[in-house]
């Protein structure tokens, strides 16, 4: 009898564990499936009245392609792992005399990957002034966990050796160092993820190899993009 009782307890325990496991997987699927609870929250955060259906991909790149639509003119120039997923930087090489950059964030889920936020810009080259660097600001989404707000762009003048972004703090400005990545011959991108509490205005500063401030710009729009020239203060 004790052995039979023990086997019965083991069977019941196994059934309960299996039931809980199936329930957890079902809840995760309901949350992450295209048009599911996560997509509803994303749609609300983006100010949309209808729920978007974000597809699931086997890889981050596939997930982004499914959401954005395949475009062979864009190619990935850098991948940056972040908490919860990965950021892909993409560039369109066919646009002459334009500085362009696309940033896409994909989050890792149980069933694969899903696009979770991003954007890009294209800035034509000015005939009057030569840009030292360009930039775009991507805001955070309320109640959505992402590595945003973020600023990113290209460094277009070798005089720029360091980039920082300053935001207001309780007692003094909070300075965040941008990461610089060489993505090709004479091609460098920069990006910085700000604390979720960071608010406008942002101040972008570019320094030369001597640590001297050579360009500076205040950003008052969380969705801003543009370019900066040497001597701009």
Protein backbone atom coordinates (compact mmCIF):
# COMPACT_ATOMS: atom_id res chain seq x y z
CA UNK A 1 0.00 0.00 0.00
CA UNK A 2 2.66 2.59 0.85
CA UNK A 3 4.37 1.91 -2.50
CA UNK A 4 1.10 2.29 -4.39
CA UNK A 5 0.34 5.50 -2.54
CA UNK A 6 3.82 6.81 -3.34
CA UNK A 7 3.45 6.00 -7.05
CA UNK A 8 0.05 7.69 -7.08
CA UNK A 9 1.49 10.84 -5.50
CA UNK A 10 4.30 10.86 -8.08
CA UNK A 11 1.79 10.50 -10.96
CA UNK A 12 -0.40 13.28 -9.60
CA UNK A 13 2.63 15.53 -9.10
CA UNK A 14 3.80 14.85 -12.66
CA UNK A 15 0.33 15.64 -14.04
CA UNK A 16 0.17 18.90 -12.07
CA UNK A 17 3.64 19.94 -13.27
CA UNK A 18 2.71 19.10 -16.88
CA UNK A 19 -0.53 21.07 -16.56
CA UNK A 20 1.30 24.10 -15.16
CA UNK A 21 3.89 23.90 -17.93
CA UNK A 22 1.24 23.74 -20.64
CA UNK A 23 -0.62 26.64 -18.99
CA UNK A 24 2.54 28.78 -18.89
CA UNK A 25 3.29 28.08 -22.56
CA UNK A 26 -0.31 28.92 -23.48
CA UNK A 27 -0.15 32.21 -21.57
CA UNK A 28 3.15 33.11 -23.22
CA UNK A 29 1.68 32.35 -26.65
CA UNK A 30 -1.44 34.43 -25.97
CA UNK A 31 0.84 37.31 -24.99
CA UNK A 32 3.39 37.07 -27.82
CA UNK A 33 1.38 35.78 -30.78
CA UNK A 34 0.74 38.26 -33.64
CA UNK A 35 -2.08 40.51 -32.46
CA UNK A 36 -1.76 39.21 -28.90
CA UNK A 37 -1.60 41.06 -25.59
CA UNK A 38 1.96 42.35 -26.19
CA UNK A 39 0.93 43.75 -29.58
CA UNK A 40 -2.08 45.44 -27.99
CA UNK A 41 0.18 47.15 -25.47
CA UNK A 42 2.58 48.17 -28.24
CA UNK A 43 -0.26 49.57 -30.35
CA UNK A 44 -1.57 51.59 -27.41
CA UNK A 45 1.92 52.94 -26.66
CA UNK A 46 2.29 53.98 -30.31
CA UNK A 47 -1.06 55.81 -30.18
CA UNK A 48 -2.80 53.47 -32.63
CA UNK A 49 -6.53 52.79 -32.45
CA UNK A 50 -6.22 49.31 -33.96
CA UNK A 51 -3.99 46.44 -32.85
CA UNK A 52 -1.00 45.80 -35.06
CA UNK A 53 0.00 42.22 -35.79
CA UNK A 54 3.75 41.89 -35.32
CA UNK A 55 4.98 38.62 -36.85
CA UNK A 56 7.35 36.17 -35.19
CA UNK A 57 10.67 35.31 -36.85
CA UNK A 58 13.21 32.57 -36.27
CA UNK A 59 15.94 35.24 -36.14
CA UNK A 60 15.95 38.94 -35.30
CA UNK A 61 16.63 39.81 -38.94
CA UNK A 62 13.76 37.65 -40.17
CA UNK A 63 11.38 39.18 -37.63
CA UNK A 64 12.29 42.70 -38.77
CA UNK A 65 11.97 41.77 -42.45
CA UNK A 66 8.53 40.28 -41.85
CA UNK A 67 7.36 43.41 -40.07
CA UNK A 68 8.95 46.05 -42.29
CA UNK A 69 8.69 44.16 -45.57
CA UNK A 70 11.71 42.76 -47.38
CA UNK A 71 13.94 45.44 -48.89
CA UNK A 72 17.16 44.19 -50.45
CA UNK A 73 18.57 47.72 -50.67
CA UNK A 74 19.15 47.71 -46.90
CA UNK A 75 22.01 45.74 -45.42
CA UNK A 76 23.02 45.19 -41.80
CA UNK A 77 26.20 47.02 -40.80
CA UNK A 78 26.21 46.31 -37.06
CA UNK A 79 24.42 44.22 -34.42
CA UNK A 80 24.42 45.27 -30.78
CA UNK A 81 23.15 42.88 -28.07
CA UNK A 82 21.06 44.60 -25.38
CA UNK A 83 18.98 43.44 -22.42
CA UNK A 84 16.01 41.53 -23.76
CA UNK A 85 17.11 41.39 -27.39
CA UNK A 86 19.31 42.93 -30.05
CA UNK A 87 19.61 46.15 -32.03
CA UNK A 88 20.34 46.01 -35.75
CA UNK A 89 21.78 48.98 -37.62
CA UNK A 90 20.99 48.96 -41.33
CA UNK A 91 22.03 51.17 -44.22
CA UNK A 92 20.82 51.74 -47.77
CA UNK A 93 23.88 51.92 -49.99
CA UNK A 94 22.06 52.90 -53.18
CA UNK A 95 21.32 56.47 -52.09
CA UNK A 96 24.13 58.69 -53.38
CA UNK A 97 25.11 61.87 -51.54
CA UNK A 98 22.81 60.91 -48.67
CA UNK A 99 23.62 59.93 -45.12
CA UNK A 100 21.09 57.33 -43.99
CA UNK A 101 20.79 54.89 -41.13
CA UNK A 102 18.05 52.56 -39.88
CA UNK A 103 17.93 51.26 -36.31
CA UNK A 104 15.68 48.33 -35.39
CA UNK A 105 15.19 46.66 -32.02
CA UNK A 106 14.03 43.03 -31.86
CA UNK A 107 13.20 41.29 -28.59
CA UNK A 108 13.77 37.63 -27.81
CA UNK A 109 10.68 35.62 -26.96
CA UNK A 110 10.10 31.93 -26.23
CA UNK A 111 8.96 31.23 -29.80
CA UNK A 112 11.65 33.28 -31.59
CA UNK A 113 12.00 37.02 -32.19
CA UNK A 114 9.67 40.00 -32.62
CA UNK A 115 10.24 43.57 -33.84
CA UNK A 116 9.81 45.88 -30.87
CA UNK A 117 10.70 49.47 -31.93
CA UNK A 118 12.89 51.43 -34.32
CA UNK A 119 13.22 54.06 -37.02
CA UNK A 120 15.61 55.70 -39.44
CA UNK A 121 16.57 58.82 -41.36
CA UNK A 122 18.00 59.99 -44.66
CA UNK A 123 19.74 63.35 -44.87
CA UNK A 124 20.90 64.88 -48.14
CA UNK A 125 24.40 66.35 -48.27
CA UNK A 126 24.46 70.14 -48.03
CA UNK A 127 26.34 72.01 -50.74
CA UNK A 128 27.09 74.86 -48.33
CA UNK A 129 28.23 73.07 -45.18
CA UNK A 130 29.98 69.75 -44.65
CA UNK A 131 28.35 67.80 -41.83
CA UNK A 132 30.56 66.55 -39.01
CA UNK A 133 27.98 64.08 -37.72
CA UNK A 134 24.30 63.32 -38.11
CA UNK A 135 21.82 62.02 -35.56
CA UNK A 136 18.37 60.70 -34.82
CA UNK A 137 16.53 60.46 -31.52
CA UNK A 138 14.22 57.52 -30.82
CA UNK A 139 11.93 58.06 -27.80
CA UNK A 140 10.92 55.45 -25.26
CA UNK A 141 7.48 53.87 -25.29
CA UNK A 142 5.42 54.27 -22.14
CA UNK A 143 4.84 51.02 -20.24
CA UNK A 144 6.94 49.04 -22.76
CA UNK A 145 10.32 47.60 -21.76
CA UNK A 146 12.91 48.70 -24.36
CA UNK A 147 16.49 50.09 -24.32
CA UNK A 148 15.17 53.56 -25.16
CA UNK A 149 15.36 56.55 -25.40
CA UNK A 150 18.30 56.24 -27.79
CA UNK A 151 20.29 58.55 -30.02
CA UNK A 152 22.37 57.31 -32.93
CA UNK A 153 23.99 58.45 -36.15
CA UNK A 154 27.06 58.63 -38.36
CA UNK A 155 30.36 60.37 -37.68
CA UNK A 156 31.18 62.08 -40.97
CA UNK A 157 34.31 64.04 -40.05
CA UNK A 158 37.46 62.36 -38.62
CA UNK A 159 37.90 65.36 -36.34
CA UNK A 160 35.13 63.90 -34.17
CA UNK A 161 36.74 61.37 -31.83
CA UNK A 162 34.24 61.31 -28.98
CA UNK A 163 30.50 61.94 -28.60
CA UNK A 164 28.48 62.46 -25.43
CA UNK A 165 24.83 63.16 -24.67
CA UNK A 166 23.85 65.23 -21.64
CA UNK A 167 20.45 65.29 -19.93
CA UNK A 168 19.28 67.22 -16.91
CA UNK A 169 19.86 65.62 -13.50
CA UNK A 170 18.65 66.41 -10.01
CA UNK A 171 21.72 68.47 -9.16
CA UNK A 172 23.91 68.46 -12.26
CA UNK A 173 23.75 67.24 -15.89
CA UNK A 174 24.04 63.49 -16.44
CA UNK A 175 26.62 62.70 -19.14
CA UNK A 176 26.37 59.47 -21.12
CA UNK A 177 29.24 58.38 -23.36
CA UNK A 178 28.30 57.25 -26.86
CA UNK A 179 29.70 54.03 -28.27
CA UNK A 180 31.62 54.45 -31.54
CA UNK A 181 31.78 51.50 -33.95
CA UNK A 182 33.70 51.27 -37.20
CA UNK A 183 31.36 49.62 -39.71
CA UNK A 184 33.43 49.97 -42.88
CA UNK A 185 36.32 51.84 -44.49
CA UNK A 186 36.14 55.39 -43.11
CA UNK A 187 32.61 54.71 -41.84
CA UNK A 188 31.78 55.07 -38.13
CA UNK A 189 28.43 55.03 -36.35
CA UNK A 190 27.71 56.24 -32.85
CA UNK A 191 24.86 55.40 -30.48
CA UNK A 192 23.89 55.91 -26.88
CA UNK A 193 21.07 54.45 -24.79
CA UNK A 194 19.83 56.92 -22.19
CA UNK A 195 18.23 56.12 -18.83
CA UNK A 196 14.46 55.59 -19.12
CA UNK A 197 14.00 58.60 -16.85
CA UNK A 198 15.81 60.92 -19.28
CA UNK A 199 13.71 63.76 -20.63
CA UNK A 200 14.10 66.46 -23.25
CA UNK A 201 16.20 68.53 -23.77
CA UNK A 202 19.22 66.44 -24.81
CA UNK A 203 22.59 67.97 -25.60
CA UNK A 204 24.82 66.25 -28.14
CA UNK A 205 28.51 67.16 -27.91
CA UNK A 206 31.34 66.17 -30.23
CA UNK A 207 35.00 66.36 -29.18
CA UNK A 208 38.29 66.09 -31.07
CA UNK A 209 41.31 63.96 -30.11
CA UNK A 210 42.48 66.68 -27.72
CA UNK A 211 39.22 66.61 -25.80
CA UNK A 212 38.15 69.97 -27.19
CA UNK A 213 34.47 70.64 -27.88
CA UNK A 214 34.13 71.10 -31.66
CA UNK A 215 30.37 70.78 -32.18
CA UNK A 216 27.34 71.03 -29.95
CA UNK A 217 23.57 70.93 -30.38
CA UNK A 218 20.53 70.89 -28.11
CA UNK A 219 17.68 68.55 -29.03
CA UNK A 220 14.20 69.68 -27.97
CA UNK A 221 12.18 67.06 -29.87
CA UNK A 222 12.38 63.37 -28.79
CA UNK A 223 11.79 62.40 -32.46
CA UNK A 224 14.36 64.80 -33.91
CA UNK A 225 16.92 64.04 -36.61
CA UNK A 226 19.45 66.22 -38.39
CA UNK A 227 23.12 67.02 -38.82
CA UNK A 228 25.80 69.03 -37.04
CA UNK A 229 28.79 70.95 -38.42
CA UNK A 230 32.15 71.76 -36.87
CA UNK A 231 32.08 74.92 -34.81
CA UNK A 232 28.33 74.64 -34.12
CA UNK A 233 27.77 75.63 -30.51
